[in-house]
């Protein structure tokens, strides 16, 4: 009725499943980090643009 269990096959399957889960988690964290970094960069770019606009306004006032 029951056949003998080959523990090597079970270990191989568990290792493969673990690697797949590790890959999915790593990929998810990688994408999440990319999205967070891009949001941070856009806010930094906006701050720099505001500072540049202010500098340009000040330079235009000095020309007059």
C-alpha atoms as a PDB file:
ATOM      1  CA  UNK A   1       0.000   0.000   0.000  1.00  0.00           C
ATOM      2  CA  UNK A   2       2.645   2.549   0.992  1.00  0.00           C
ATOM      3  CA  UNK A   3       5.850   2.807  -0.957  1.00  0.00           C
ATOM      4  CA  UNK A   4       9.177   3.630   0.701  1.00  0.00           C
ATOM      5  CA  UNK A   5      10.003   7.331   0.865  1.00  0.00           C
ATOM      6  CA  UNK A   6      13.163   8.563  -0.809  1.00  0.00           C
ATOM      7  CA  UNK A   7      14.373  11.317   1.510  1.00  0.00           C
ATOM      8  CA  UNK A   8      16.781  12.644  -1.111  1.00  0.00           C
ATOM      9  CA  UNK A   9      13.877  13.497  -3.416  1.00  0.00           C
ATOM     10  CA  UNK A  10      11.984  15.211  -0.613  1.00  0.00           C
ATOM     11  CA  UNK A  11      15.078  17.226   0.353  1.00  0.00           C
ATOM     12  CA  UNK A  12      15.637  18.222  -3.275  1.00  0.00           C
ATOM     13  CA  UNK A  13      12.036  19.404  -3.625  1.00  0.00           C
ATOM     14  CA  UNK A  14      12.227  21.401  -0.368  1.00  0.00           C
ATOM     15  CA  UNK A  15      15.453  23.089  -1.485  1.00  0.00           C
ATOM     16  CA  UNK A  16      13.895  24.007  -4.843  1.00  0.00           C
ATOM     17  CA  UNK A  17      10.759  25.357  -3.169  1.00  0.00           C
ATOM     18  CA  UNK A  18      12.900  27.376  -0.760  1.00  0.00           C
ATOM     19  CA  UNK A  19      14.907  28.871  -3.627  1.00  0.00           C
ATOM     20  CA  UNK A  20      11.737  29.855  -5.476  1.00  0.00           C
ATOM     21  CA  UNK A  21      10.309  31.516  -2.358  1.00  0.00           C
ATOM     22  CA  UNK A  22      13.639  33.305  -1.741  1.00  0.00           C
ATOM     23  CA  UNK A  23      13.661  34.560  -5.344  1.00  0.00           C
ATOM     24  CA  UNK A  24      10.109  35.914  -5.095  1.00  0.00           C
ATOM     25  CA  UNK A  25      10.835  37.689  -1.809  1.00  0.00           C
ATOM     26  CA  UNK A  26      14.099  39.156  -3.128  1.00  0.00           C
ATOM     27  CA  UNK A  27      12.471  40.360  -6.344  1.00  0.00           C
ATOM     28  CA  UNK A  28       9.599  41.951  -4.411  1.00  0.00           C
ATOM     29  CA  UNK A  29      11.972  43.791  -2.065  1.00  0.00           C
ATOM     30  CA  UNK A  30      14.106  44.914  -5.016  1.00  0.00           C
ATOM     31  CA  UNK A  31      11.122  46.426  -6.838  1.00  0.00           C
ATOM     32  CA  UNK A  32       9.905  48.048  -3.617  1.00  0.00           C
ATOM     33  CA  UNK A  33      13.317  49.635  -3.022  1.00  0.00           C
ATOM     34  CA  UNK A  34      13.424  50.916  -6.608  1.00  0.00           C
ATOM     35  CA  UNK A  35      10.011  52.555  -6.213  1.00  0.00           C
ATOM     36  CA  UNK A  36      10.924  54.160  -2.880  1.00  0.00           C
ATOM     37  CA  UNK A  37      14.207  55.499  -4.265  1.00  0.00           C
ATOM     38  CA  UNK A  38      12.496  56.970  -7.325  1.00  0.00           C
ATOM     39  CA  UNK A  39       9.989  58.807  -5.096  1.00  0.00           C
ATOM     40  CA  UNK A  40      12.855  60.190  -3.036  1.00  0.00           C
ATOM     41  CA  UNK A  41      14.666  61.354  -6.145  1.00  0.00           C
ATOM     42  CA  UNK A  42      11.624  63.141  -7.538  1.00  0.00           C
ATOM     43  CA  UNK A  43      11.166  65.069  -4.296  1.00  0.00           C
ATOM     44  CA  UNK A  44      14.858  66.025  -4.339  1.00  0.00           C
ATOM     45  CA  UNK A  45      14.569  67.142  -7.958  1.00  0.00           C
ATOM     46  CA  UNK A  46      11.535  69.287  -7.097  1.00  0.00           C
ATOM     47  CA  UNK A  47      13.439  70.938  -4.240  1.00  0.00           C
ATOM     48  CA  UNK A  48      16.391  71.662  -6.514  1.00  0.00           C
ATOM     49  CA  UNK A  49      14.078  73.125  -9.161  1.00  0.00           C
ATOM     50  CA  UNK A  50      12.504  75.442  -6.582  1.00  0.00           C
ATOM     51  CA  UNK A  51      15.932  76.610  -5.432  1.00  0.00           C
ATOM     52  CA  UNK A  52      17.033  77.217  -9.019  1.00  0.00           C
ATOM     53  CA  UNK A  53      13.862  79.186  -9.734  1.00  0.00           C
ATOM     54  CA  UNK A  54      14.540  81.362  -6.697  1.00  0.00           C
ATOM     55  CA  UNK A  55      18.139  81.940  -7.791  1.00  0.00           C
ATOM     56  CA  UNK A  56      16.975  82.896 -11.286  1.00  0.00           C
ATOM     57  CA  UNK A  57      14.463  85.359  -9.831  1.00  0.00           C
ATOM     58  CA  UNK A  58      17.141  86.925  -7.653  1.00  0.00           C
ATOM     59  CA  UNK A  59      19.518  87.228 -10.605  1.00  0.00           C
ATOM     60  CA  UNK A  60      16.802  88.856 -12.714  1.00  0.00           C
ATOM     61  CA  UNK A  61      16.129  91.366  -9.917  1.00  0.00           C
ATOM     62  CA  UNK A  62      19.862  92.186  -9.731  1.00  0.00           C
ATOM     63  CA  UNK A  63      19.947  92.887 -13.493  1.00  0.00           C
ATOM     64  CA  UNK A  64      17.259  95.562 -13.132  1.00  0.00           C
END
